[in-house]
Amino acid sequence: MTEALPFLPWRSLLYVPAHISRYVDSACRSRADAALLDLEDSVPPESKRDARSVLPVAARRIAATGMSVLVRVNGPLRWMVEDLRAAVDAGVTGVVVPKVLGASHLTAIDECLDMLEHEHGRERGATRIIATIETPQAFECMDRIARASARTVGMMLGGGDFALRCGSQANANVLRVPKQLLVIAAAAAGVWPLGLIGTPDELSDLAGLERMARESAEFGFVGATCIHPKQVDALNCAFSPSADEVARARHIVDAYAVARSAGRGAVAVDGKMIDLPVLAQARRVIERDAALSRRLQHAS
């Protein structure tokens, strides 16, 4: 079930309690880019062992639909090592590590994954990492955390725990700046910033979730987690280029090509001068749209 890292980030990562089969069934029917099988918060201590034991079956079922499969492991070492072992044995794409303490913490997890991949005959580095920043101490060194392991593909802020440890409220105004700084740190390290710039108020407010996700995309986030399948489409839509955005991007690229062929280094589109950053952004939109089309074709 080993999967190469996709060019395109995961727009939607659906949390799925690993030990509840009906939630696994529901995830299989969703259009999420990735299922995030949870061994942490949604699994009570007395069910941790059972959740690990069913992980291979749940992972195979979800992977058969074309979705990527990740596992959120537990923070305490007495559970984490067994969680990592179960995840590697199940052949999942990656793990989400909560409550990362610092760069050395992630380095140790990387070494553990090296050992486990060797034991289970998997390619070294096949198991990717998404690091979750949940404390002020980790926030202060998240630039080093993002670079601590070549396995790391993404980073996100656990807003509730982070605000709690800062003595602040976990609302959009309080968390906006920390989340924007995480986007910058992730971009500097070349990993994906995942998350929403705010916190959805109601599970049923899908229009509000999509607006928030679109604003998050403007800030630089490339995807986000969700807790219910009905939220998936809102995230997929918000983190995908719209038809109008793709059309405008093609118009910019084509206009610039015409200008260059005529010996001009500058061009105006709809009354606005197009400079190189705007051109690069337009090309990125086109590439993202093409990669998304390939992913959807593969999934179907």
Protein backbone atom coordinates (compact mmCIF):
# COMPACT_ATOMS: atom_id res chain seq x y z
CA MET A 1 0.00 0.00 0.00
CA THR A 2 3.06 2.26 -0.14
CA GLU A 3 2.20 5.52 -1.88
CA ALA A 4 4.54 8.06 -3.43
CA LEU A 5 4.17 11.56 -2.02
CA PRO A 6 1.62 13.40 -4.17
CA PHE A 7 2.66 16.61 -5.88
CA LEU A 8 -0.60 18.13 -4.76
CA PRO A 9 -1.22 18.67 -1.03
CA TRP A 10 -4.18 17.04 0.64
CA ARG A 11 -7.07 19.52 0.59
CA SER A 12 -9.18 17.57 3.06
CA LEU A 13 -8.00 15.23 5.82
CA LEU A 14 -10.92 13.48 7.47
CA TYR A 15 -10.48 12.31 11.07
CA VAL A 16 -11.75 8.75 11.53
CA PRO A 17 -11.77 6.95 14.91
CA ALA A 18 -9.82 3.84 13.95
CA HIS A 19 -11.75 1.48 16.25
CA ILE A 20 -15.29 2.27 15.07
CA SER A 21 -16.12 0.39 11.87
CA ARG A 22 -19.14 2.49 10.89
CA TYR A 23 -16.94 5.60 10.79
CA VAL A 24 -14.48 3.73 8.58
CA ASP A 25 -17.43 2.81 6.33
CA SER A 26 -18.47 6.45 6.18
CA ALA A 27 -14.92 7.57 5.36
CA CYS A 28 -14.80 5.10 2.46
CA ARG A 29 -17.86 6.81 0.96
CA SER A 30 -16.43 10.31 1.33
CA ARG A 31 -14.47 12.33 -1.21
CA ALA A 32 -11.68 13.25 1.20
CA ASP A 33 -8.15 13.38 -0.18
CA ALA A 34 -6.88 11.62 2.93
CA ALA A 35 -8.36 9.70 5.82
CA LEU A 36 -6.71 10.37 9.16
CA LEU A 37 -7.21 7.22 11.24
CA ASP A 38 -7.13 8.44 14.82
CA LEU A 39 -5.51 6.58 17.68
CA GLU A 40 -5.35 9.64 19.94
CA ASP A 41 -8.17 11.85 21.24
CA SER A 42 -11.15 9.95 19.80
CA VAL A 43 -9.97 6.62 21.25
CA PRO A 44 -10.31 6.12 25.03
CA PRO A 45 -7.34 4.52 26.85
CA GLU A 46 -9.08 1.18 27.26
CA SER A 47 -9.63 0.97 23.47
CA LYS A 48 -6.12 1.91 22.29
CA ARG A 49 -5.00 -1.70 21.82
CA ASP A 50 -8.15 -2.64 19.91
CA ALA A 51 -7.75 0.39 17.66
CA ARG A 52 -4.20 -0.63 16.79
CA SER A 53 -5.27 -4.20 16.07
CA VAL A 54 -7.88 -3.17 13.48
CA LEU A 55 -5.65 -0.55 11.87
CA PRO A 56 -4.38 -2.75 8.98
CA VAL A 57 -7.90 -3.73 7.90
CA ALA A 58 -9.23 -0.15 8.16
CA ALA A 59 -6.22 1.22 6.28
CA ARG A 60 -6.58 -1.30 3.44
CA ARG A 61 -10.29 -0.62 3.06
CA ILE A 62 -9.79 3.13 2.85
CA ALA A 63 -6.74 2.91 0.58
CA ALA A 64 -8.75 0.76 -1.85
CA THR A 65 -10.97 3.79 -2.53
CA GLY A 66 -7.97 5.83 -3.74
CA MET A 67 -7.60 7.95 -0.61
CA SER A 68 -4.30 8.47 1.14
CA VAL A 69 -4.24 6.98 4.64
CA LEU A 70 -2.56 8.61 7.64
CA VAL A 71 -2.58 7.77 11.34
CA ARG A 72 -2.66 10.22 14.23
CA VAL A 73 -0.55 8.64 16.95
CA ASN A 74 -0.57 9.32 20.67
CA GLY A 75 1.84 11.73 22.31
CA PRO A 76 2.94 9.69 25.36
CA LEU A 77 5.86 7.41 24.44
CA ARG A 78 4.30 4.33 26.05
CA TRP A 79 1.59 4.50 23.39
CA MET A 80 3.38 6.29 20.57
CA VAL A 81 5.95 3.59 19.83
CA GLU A 82 3.24 0.95 19.54
CA ASP A 83 1.17 3.32 17.39
CA LEU A 84 4.11 3.90 15.05
CA ARG A 85 4.70 0.15 14.82
CA ALA A 86 1.05 -0.44 13.93
CA ALA A 87 1.08 2.36 11.35
CA VAL A 88 4.19 1.07 9.59
CA ASP A 89 2.86 -2.49 9.70
CA ALA A 90 -0.36 -1.24 8.06
CA GLY A 91 1.69 0.44 5.32
CA VAL A 92 0.07 3.85 5.66
CA THR A 93 1.26 6.97 3.86
CA GLY A 94 2.16 8.85 6.99
CA VAL A 95 1.60 9.73 10.63
CA VAL A 96 0.38 12.86 12.34
CA VAL A 97 2.47 13.54 15.44
CA PRO A 98 0.65 15.56 18.13
CA LYS A 99 2.26 17.75 20.77
CA VAL A 100 5.68 17.88 19.14
CA LEU A 101 8.13 19.04 21.82
CA GLY A 102 10.94 20.23 19.57
CA ALA A 103 13.25 19.31 16.71
CA SER A 104 15.02 16.57 18.69
CA HIS A 105 11.65 14.98 19.46
CA LEU A 106 10.88 14.69 15.75
CA THR A 107 14.41 13.42 15.04
CA ALA A 108 13.88 10.59 17.53
CA ILE A 109 10.57 9.69 15.88
CA ASP A 110 12.32 9.68 12.50
CA GLU A 111 14.89 7.22 13.84
CA CYS A 112 12.16 5.01 15.25
CA LEU A 113 10.40 4.97 11.88
CA ASP A 114 13.69 4.04 10.20
CA MET A 115 13.94 1.00 12.45
CA LEU A 116 10.31 -0.01 12.00
CA GLU A 117 10.44 0.33 8.22
CA HIS A 118 13.50 -1.92 8.16
CA GLU A 119 11.71 -4.49 10.34
CA HIS A 120 8.62 -4.51 8.12
CA GLY A 121 10.45 -4.45 4.77
CA ARG A 122 9.25 -1.00 3.78
CA GLU A 123 11.29 1.52 1.84
CA ARG A 124 13.17 3.88 4.12
CA GLY A 125 11.38 7.20 4.38
CA ALA A 126 8.09 5.82 3.04
CA THR A 127 6.21 6.90 6.18
CA ARG A 128 5.69 10.66 6.07
CA ILE A 129 5.19 12.99 9.03
CA ILE A 130 2.80 15.85 9.73
CA ALA A 131 3.94 17.72 12.84
CA THR A 132 1.42 19.39 15.14
CA ILE A 133 2.48 22.46 17.12
CA GLU A 134 0.50 22.65 20.38
CA THR A 135 2.69 24.45 22.92
CA PRO A 136 4.38 27.87 23.12
CA GLN A 137 7.74 26.09 23.45
CA ALA A 138 7.24 24.19 20.18
CA PHE A 139 5.92 27.36 18.52
CA GLU A 140 9.17 29.16 19.33
CA CYS A 141 11.20 26.52 17.46
CA MET A 142 8.77 25.47 14.73
CA ASP A 143 11.23 26.55 12.04
CA ARG A 144 13.65 23.89 13.35
CA ILE A 145 10.84 21.38 13.81
CA ALA A 146 9.84 21.78 10.16
CA ARG A 147 13.42 20.92 9.10
CA ALA A 148 14.13 18.17 11.65
CA SER A 149 13.18 15.26 9.39
CA ALA A 150 13.16 14.73 5.64
CA ARG A 151 9.95 12.77 6.23
CA THR A 152 8.04 15.89 7.26
CA VAL A 153 5.59 17.04 4.60
CA GLY A 154 3.26 19.21 6.65
CA MET A 155 2.80 21.19 9.82
CA MET A 156 -0.27 22.47 11.62
CA LEU A 157 -1.23 24.31 14.80
CA GLY A 158 -3.38 22.58 17.42
CA GLY A 159 -5.30 25.75 18.24
CA GLY A 160 -7.19 24.58 21.33
CA ASP A 161 -4.21 23.17 23.20
CA PHE A 162 -1.97 26.02 22.06
CA ALA A 163 -4.38 28.68 23.32
CA LEU A 164 -4.86 26.80 26.60
CA ARG A 165 -1.13 26.76 27.27
CA CYS A 166 -0.88 30.44 26.37
CA GLY A 167 -3.70 31.31 28.78
CA SER A 168 -5.74 32.74 25.91
CA GLN A 169 -9.04 31.97 24.24
CA ALA A 170 -9.10 29.66 21.22
CA ASN A 171 -10.89 32.07 18.90
CA ALA A 172 -10.05 33.32 15.43
CA ASN A 173 -8.73 36.71 16.56
CA VAL A 174 -6.32 35.17 19.07
CA LEU A 175 -5.04 32.42 16.77
CA ARG A 176 -4.79 34.39 13.53
CA VAL A 177 -1.25 35.65 14.04
CA PRO A 178 0.19 32.33 15.32
CA LYS A 179 -1.36 30.53 12.36
CA GLN A 180 -0.02 33.07 9.89
CA LEU A 181 3.46 32.68 11.40
CA LEU A 182 3.13 28.91 11.01
CA VAL A 183 2.38 29.40 7.30
CA ILE A 184 5.58 31.43 6.97
CA ALA A 185 7.67 28.87 8.86
CA ALA A 186 6.26 26.02 6.78
CA ALA A 187 6.88 27.90 3.52
CA ALA A 188 10.46 28.63 4.55
CA ALA A 189 11.06 24.93 5.22
CA GLY A 190 9.28 23.74 2.10
CA VAL A 191 6.52 21.82 3.91
CA TRP A 192 2.75 22.17 3.66
CA PRO A 193 0.93 24.49 6.09
CA LEU A 194 -2.33 22.74 6.99
CA GLY A 195 -5.26 24.18 8.90
CA LEU A 196 -7.86 26.92 8.99
CA ILE A 197 -7.23 30.55 9.86
CA GLY A 198 -10.23 30.40 12.23
CA THR A 199 -12.34 27.85 14.08
CA PRO A 200 -15.72 26.76 12.65
CA ASP A 201 -18.57 27.67 15.00
CA GLU A 202 -21.04 25.00 13.94
CA LEU A 203 -20.62 21.64 12.27
CA SER A 204 -23.69 22.27 10.11
CA ASP A 205 -22.54 25.67 8.78
CA LEU A 206 -20.91 24.36 5.62
CA ALA A 207 -21.13 27.70 3.80
CA GLY A 208 -19.30 29.35 6.69
CA LEU A 209 -16.69 26.60 6.66
CA GLU A 210 -16.09 27.08 2.96
CA ARG A 211 -15.71 30.86 3.39
CA MET A 212 -13.23 30.29 6.21
CA ALA A 213 -11.31 27.75 4.14
CA ARG A 214 -11.13 30.15 1.19
CA GLU A 215 -9.74 32.84 3.49
CA SER A 216 -7.28 30.27 4.83
CA ALA A 217 -6.15 29.50 1.27
CA GLU A 218 -5.54 33.23 0.76
CA PHE A 219 -3.26 33.17 3.82
CA GLY A 220 -1.30 30.27 2.32
CA PHE A 221 -2.85 27.16 3.88
CA VAL A 222 -3.13 24.33 1.37
CA GLY A 223 -5.60 22.00 3.14
CA ALA A 224 -7.25 21.31 6.48
CA THR A 225 -8.59 18.59 8.71
CA CYS A 226 -12.28 17.96 9.32
CA ILE A 227 -14.29 15.73 11.63
CA HIS A 228 -17.33 14.84 9.50
CA PRO A 229 -17.68 13.61 5.89
CA LYS A 230 -20.18 16.34 5.08
CA GLN A 231 -17.41 18.93 5.62
CA VAL A 232 -15.16 17.37 3.00
CA ASP A 233 -16.69 18.98 -0.09
CA ALA A 234 -16.42 22.47 1.43
CA LEU A 235 -12.69 21.99 2.00
CA ASN A 236 -12.08 20.42 -1.41
CA CYS A 237 -13.85 23.31 -3.12
CA ALA A 238 -12.12 26.03 -1.09
CA PHE A 239 -8.62 24.63 -1.54
CA SER A 240 -9.03 24.04 -5.30
CA PRO A 241 -8.61 26.72 -7.98
CA SER A 242 -11.99 27.82 -9.28
CA ALA A 243 -12.79 27.71 -12.99
CA ASP A 244 -12.57 31.52 -13.10
CA GLU A 245 -9.17 31.48 -11.39
CA VAL A 246 -7.83 28.92 -13.86
CA ALA A 247 -9.22 30.86 -16.84
CA ARG A 248 -7.63 34.09 -15.62
CA ALA A 249 -4.33 32.32 -14.98
CA ARG A 250 -4.30 30.95 -18.53
CA HIS A 251 -5.13 34.41 -19.86
CA ILE A 252 -2.17 35.90 -17.98
CA VAL A 253 0.27 33.20 -19.12
CA ASP A 254 -0.90 33.44 -22.75
CA ALA A 255 -0.74 37.26 -22.75
CA TYR A 256 2.77 37.20 -21.34
CA ALA A 257 3.88 34.67 -23.95
CA VAL A 258 2.52 36.89 -26.74
CA ALA A 259 4.33 39.91 -25.28
CA ARG A 260 7.61 38.01 -25.05
CA SER A 261 7.32 36.79 -28.64
CA ALA A 262 6.87 40.42 -29.70
CA GLY A 263 10.01 41.43 -27.83
CA ARG A 264 8.25 43.07 -24.91
CA GLY A 265 9.12 42.30 -21.30
CA ALA A 266 5.94 43.69 -19.76
CA VAL A 267 2.27 43.21 -20.47
CA ALA A 268 -1.01 44.57 -19.13
CA VAL A 269 -4.00 42.29 -18.54
CA ASP A 270 -7.36 43.89 -17.80
CA GLY A 271 -5.62 47.20 -17.16
CA LYS A 272 -3.09 45.77 -14.69
CA MET A 273 0.61 45.30 -15.30
CA ILE A 274 1.76 41.71 -14.99
CA ASP A 275 5.09 41.30 -13.22
CA LEU A 276 7.04 38.09 -12.66
CA PRO A 277 5.48 37.18 -9.27
CA VAL A 278 1.99 37.47 -10.79
CA LEU A 279 3.10 35.32 -13.72
CA ALA A 280 4.58 32.72 -11.34
CA GLN A 281 1.35 32.67 -9.31
CA ALA A 282 -0.68 32.14 -12.51
CA ARG A 283 1.53 29.23 -13.52
CA ARG A 284 1.14 27.74 -10.05
CA VAL A 285 -2.65 27.88 -10.35
CA ILE A 286 -2.50 26.07 -13.72
CA GLU A 287 -0.11 23.42 -12.37
CA ARG A 288 -2.28 22.88 -9.29
CA ASP A 289 -5.40 22.50 -11.42
CA ALA A 290 -3.66 19.98 -13.69
CA ALA A 291 -2.34 17.99 -10.72
CA LEU A 292 -5.80 17.96 -9.14
CA SER A 293 -7.30 16.64 -12.38
CA ARG A 294 -4.73 13.83 -12.41
CA ARG A 295 -5.51 12.96 -8.80
CA LEU A 296 -9.25 12.82 -9.47
CA GLN A 297 -8.72 10.64 -12.54
CA HIS A 298 -6.54 8.27 -10.51
CA ALA A 299 -9.13 8.10 -7.72
CA SER A 300 -11.91 7.26 -10.14
